[in-house]
Amino acid sequence: MATDRKHLSGTETTTSAVASPPVTKRLTAGVIGGLAGGAVFGALMAMMGMLPLIAMLVGSESAIVGLLVHLAISVLIGLGLTLLLSRMLTGYARAAVVGLVYGALWWVLGPLLLMPSMMGMPVFMIDAAGWMSLIGHLLYGVTLGVTAARVLRVRA
């Protein structure tokens, strides 16, 4: 979307602004991107045996329950990206970088702060599993960003 403005000096300038996609498109991108990123990260978590820990958030120890909880959280976080930052997902490279930063942010918020707080564990404790979690969150973020950008580009 471009707008022309005439200045007092008589010269004209054109400014460019990126319009937000429709809400339904952003919702779709968040769900699909969240599921795609959640599937990639979920596979890593399954290999590490971490899904039962995620299931403990809802009082279970089942890996299947852990995967379902993980995917639900992945969709919610995906919706956060696309509803708040869709204007930044204008190309695949940029979406990958935005997703990478978003994934790192959620690594700090999720496994380092919120999850330990909910489970009565110490916060901001980083061990080998914590570093693997960072890798998973970064993979999640890149996959989310690029997938969401793709969905946002598809014409209705």
Protein backbone atom coordinates (compact mmCIF):
# COMPACT_ATOMS: atom_id res chain seq x y z
CA MET A 1 0.00 0.00 0.00
CA ALA A 2 1.61 3.28 -1.08
CA THR A 3 0.49 6.79 -0.29
CA ASP A 4 1.53 9.99 -2.03
CA ARG A 5 2.05 13.12 0.02
CA LYS A 6 2.53 16.64 -1.26
CA HIS A 7 4.79 18.82 0.84
CA LEU A 8 4.58 22.61 1.22
CA SER A 9 7.58 22.91 -1.07
CA GLY A 10 5.53 21.34 -3.87
CA THR A 11 7.51 18.12 -4.00
CA GLU A 12 5.81 14.75 -3.71
CA THR A 13 6.97 11.71 -1.82
CA THR A 14 5.72 8.18 -1.76
CA THR A 15 5.71 6.19 1.45
CA SER A 16 5.16 2.49 1.65
CA ALA A 17 3.34 0.66 4.44
CA VAL A 18 2.63 -3.03 4.73
CA ALA A 19 -1.03 -3.68 5.45
CA SER A 20 -1.94 -6.46 7.86
CA PRO A 21 -3.47 -9.49 6.19
CA PRO A 22 -7.10 -10.24 7.12
CA VAL A 23 -7.60 -11.78 10.56
CA THR A 24 -8.80 -15.09 9.11
CA LYS A 25 -5.59 -15.38 7.08
CA ARG A 26 -3.47 -14.58 10.15
CA LEU A 27 -5.39 -17.17 12.22
CA THR A 28 -4.89 -19.81 9.53
CA ALA A 29 -1.18 -18.98 9.27
CA GLY A 30 -0.78 -19.20 13.04
CA VAL A 31 -2.48 -22.58 13.31
CA ILE A 32 -0.68 -24.15 10.34
CA GLY A 33 2.68 -22.59 11.25
CA GLY A 34 2.28 -23.55 14.90
CA LEU A 35 1.48 -27.15 13.99
CA ALA A 36 4.41 -27.34 11.55
CA GLY A 37 6.86 -25.93 14.08
CA GLY A 38 5.32 -28.03 16.84
CA ALA A 39 5.75 -31.20 14.77
CA VAL A 40 9.45 -30.48 14.16
CA PHE A 41 10.11 -29.62 17.81
CA GLY A 42 7.85 -32.47 18.99
CA ALA A 43 9.95 -35.00 17.06
CA LEU A 44 13.07 -33.71 18.82
CA MET A 45 11.31 -33.86 22.20
CA ALA A 46 10.15 -37.42 21.51
CA MET A 47 13.73 -38.49 20.71
CA MET A 48 14.90 -36.91 23.98
CA GLY A 49 12.12 -38.52 26.01
CA MET A 50 10.77 -35.09 27.09
CA LEU A 51 7.09 -35.54 26.22
CA PRO A 52 6.12 -37.12 29.59
CA LEU A 53 7.52 -34.00 31.30
CA ILE A 54 5.23 -31.82 29.16
CA ALA A 55 2.30 -34.12 30.05
CA MET A 56 2.96 -33.35 33.72
CA LEU A 57 1.60 -29.85 33.06
CA VAL A 58 -1.86 -31.45 32.92
CA GLY A 59 -1.31 -34.17 35.53
CA SER A 60 -0.30 -37.00 33.20
CA GLU A 61 2.92 -38.81 32.33
CA SER A 62 1.82 -40.12 28.93
CA ALA A 63 3.99 -39.25 25.95
CA ILE A 64 0.86 -39.01 23.78
CA VAL A 65 -0.72 -36.53 26.19
CA GLY A 66 2.58 -34.64 26.25
CA LEU A 67 2.58 -34.42 22.47
CA LEU A 68 -1.02 -33.15 22.40
CA VAL A 69 -0.25 -30.54 25.08
CA HIS A 70 2.89 -29.54 23.18
CA LEU A 71 0.96 -29.13 19.90
CA ALA A 72 -1.78 -27.09 21.61
CA ILE A 73 0.85 -24.77 23.09
CA SER A 74 2.58 -24.61 19.69
CA VAL A 75 -0.65 -23.44 18.03
CA LEU A 76 -1.28 -20.78 20.70
CA ILE A 77 2.26 -19.44 20.36
CA GLY A 78 1.93 -19.56 16.57
CA LEU A 79 -1.24 -17.49 16.79
CA GLY A 80 0.63 -14.97 18.91
CA LEU A 81 3.20 -14.50 16.16
CA THR A 82 0.75 -14.16 13.31
CA LEU A 83 -1.78 -11.99 15.13
CA LEU A 84 0.83 -9.59 16.51
CA LEU A 85 3.69 -9.63 14.01
CA SER A 86 2.28 -10.67 10.62
CA ARG A 87 3.51 -7.43 9.04
CA MET A 88 7.07 -8.59 9.70
CA LEU A 89 6.60 -11.88 7.81
CA THR A 90 7.06 -10.32 4.38
CA GLY A 91 9.64 -12.71 2.93
CA TYR A 92 11.04 -16.11 3.79
CA ALA A 93 14.44 -14.91 5.00
CA ARG A 94 12.91 -12.20 7.15
CA ALA A 95 10.27 -14.63 8.47
CA ALA A 96 13.04 -17.08 9.39
CA VAL A 97 14.88 -14.39 11.38
CA VAL A 98 11.68 -13.17 13.06
CA GLY A 99 10.82 -16.78 13.89
CA LEU A 100 14.30 -17.42 15.27
CA VAL A 101 14.02 -14.45 17.63
CA TYR A 102 10.45 -15.42 18.56
CA GLY A 103 11.57 -19.00 19.30
CA ALA A 104 14.42 -17.73 21.51
CA LEU A 105 11.98 -15.48 23.38
CA TRP A 106 9.68 -18.43 24.04
CA TRP A 107 12.64 -20.54 25.20
CA VAL A 108 13.20 -17.97 27.94
CA LEU A 109 9.50 -17.58 28.75
CA GLY A 110 8.50 -21.27 28.50
CA PRO A 111 11.02 -23.79 29.81
CA LEU A 112 13.12 -21.32 31.78
CA LEU A 113 10.36 -19.34 33.50
CA LEU A 114 6.73 -20.42 33.12
CA MET A 115 7.01 -24.21 33.11
CA PRO A 116 9.33 -24.45 36.14
CA SER A 117 7.14 -21.94 37.99
CA MET A 118 4.04 -24.05 37.32
CA MET A 119 5.79 -27.22 38.45
CA GLY A 120 7.43 -25.85 41.60
CA MET A 121 10.93 -26.10 40.14
CA PRO A 122 13.72 -23.50 40.14
CA VAL A 123 13.53 -20.99 37.29
CA PHE A 124 16.28 -20.12 34.80
CA MET A 125 18.18 -23.39 35.35
CA ILE A 126 20.05 -24.38 32.20
CA ASP A 127 21.55 -27.85 31.84
CA ALA A 128 22.23 -30.04 28.78
CA ALA A 129 18.50 -30.61 28.28
CA GLY A 130 17.96 -26.84 28.52
CA TRP A 131 20.41 -26.23 25.68
CA MET A 132 18.67 -28.89 23.57
CA SER A 133 15.42 -27.11 24.37
CA LEU A 134 16.93 -23.91 22.97
CA ILE A 135 17.74 -25.72 19.72
CA GLY A 136 14.17 -27.05 19.61
CA HIS A 137 12.69 -23.61 20.20
CA LEU A 138 14.88 -22.10 17.48
CA LEU A 139 13.83 -24.83 15.02
CA TYR A 140 10.21 -24.27 16.05
CA GLY A 141 10.50 -20.52 15.50
CA VAL A 142 12.12 -20.78 12.06
CA THR A 143 9.60 -23.39 10.92
CA LEU A 144 6.71 -21.33 12.30
CA GLY A 145 7.92 -18.11 10.69
CA VAL A 146 8.60 -19.55 7.24
CA THR A 147 5.41 -21.64 7.18
CA ALA A 148 3.29 -18.71 8.34
CA ALA A 149 4.89 -16.46 5.72
CA ARG A 150 4.01 -19.03 3.06
CA VAL A 151 0.40 -19.25 4.21
CA LEU A 152 0.14 -15.45 4.32
CA ARG A 153 1.41 -15.24 0.71
CA VAL A 154 -1.20 -17.60 -0.72
CA ARG A 155 -4.02 -15.68 -2.36
CA ALA A 156 -7.50 -16.23 -0.98
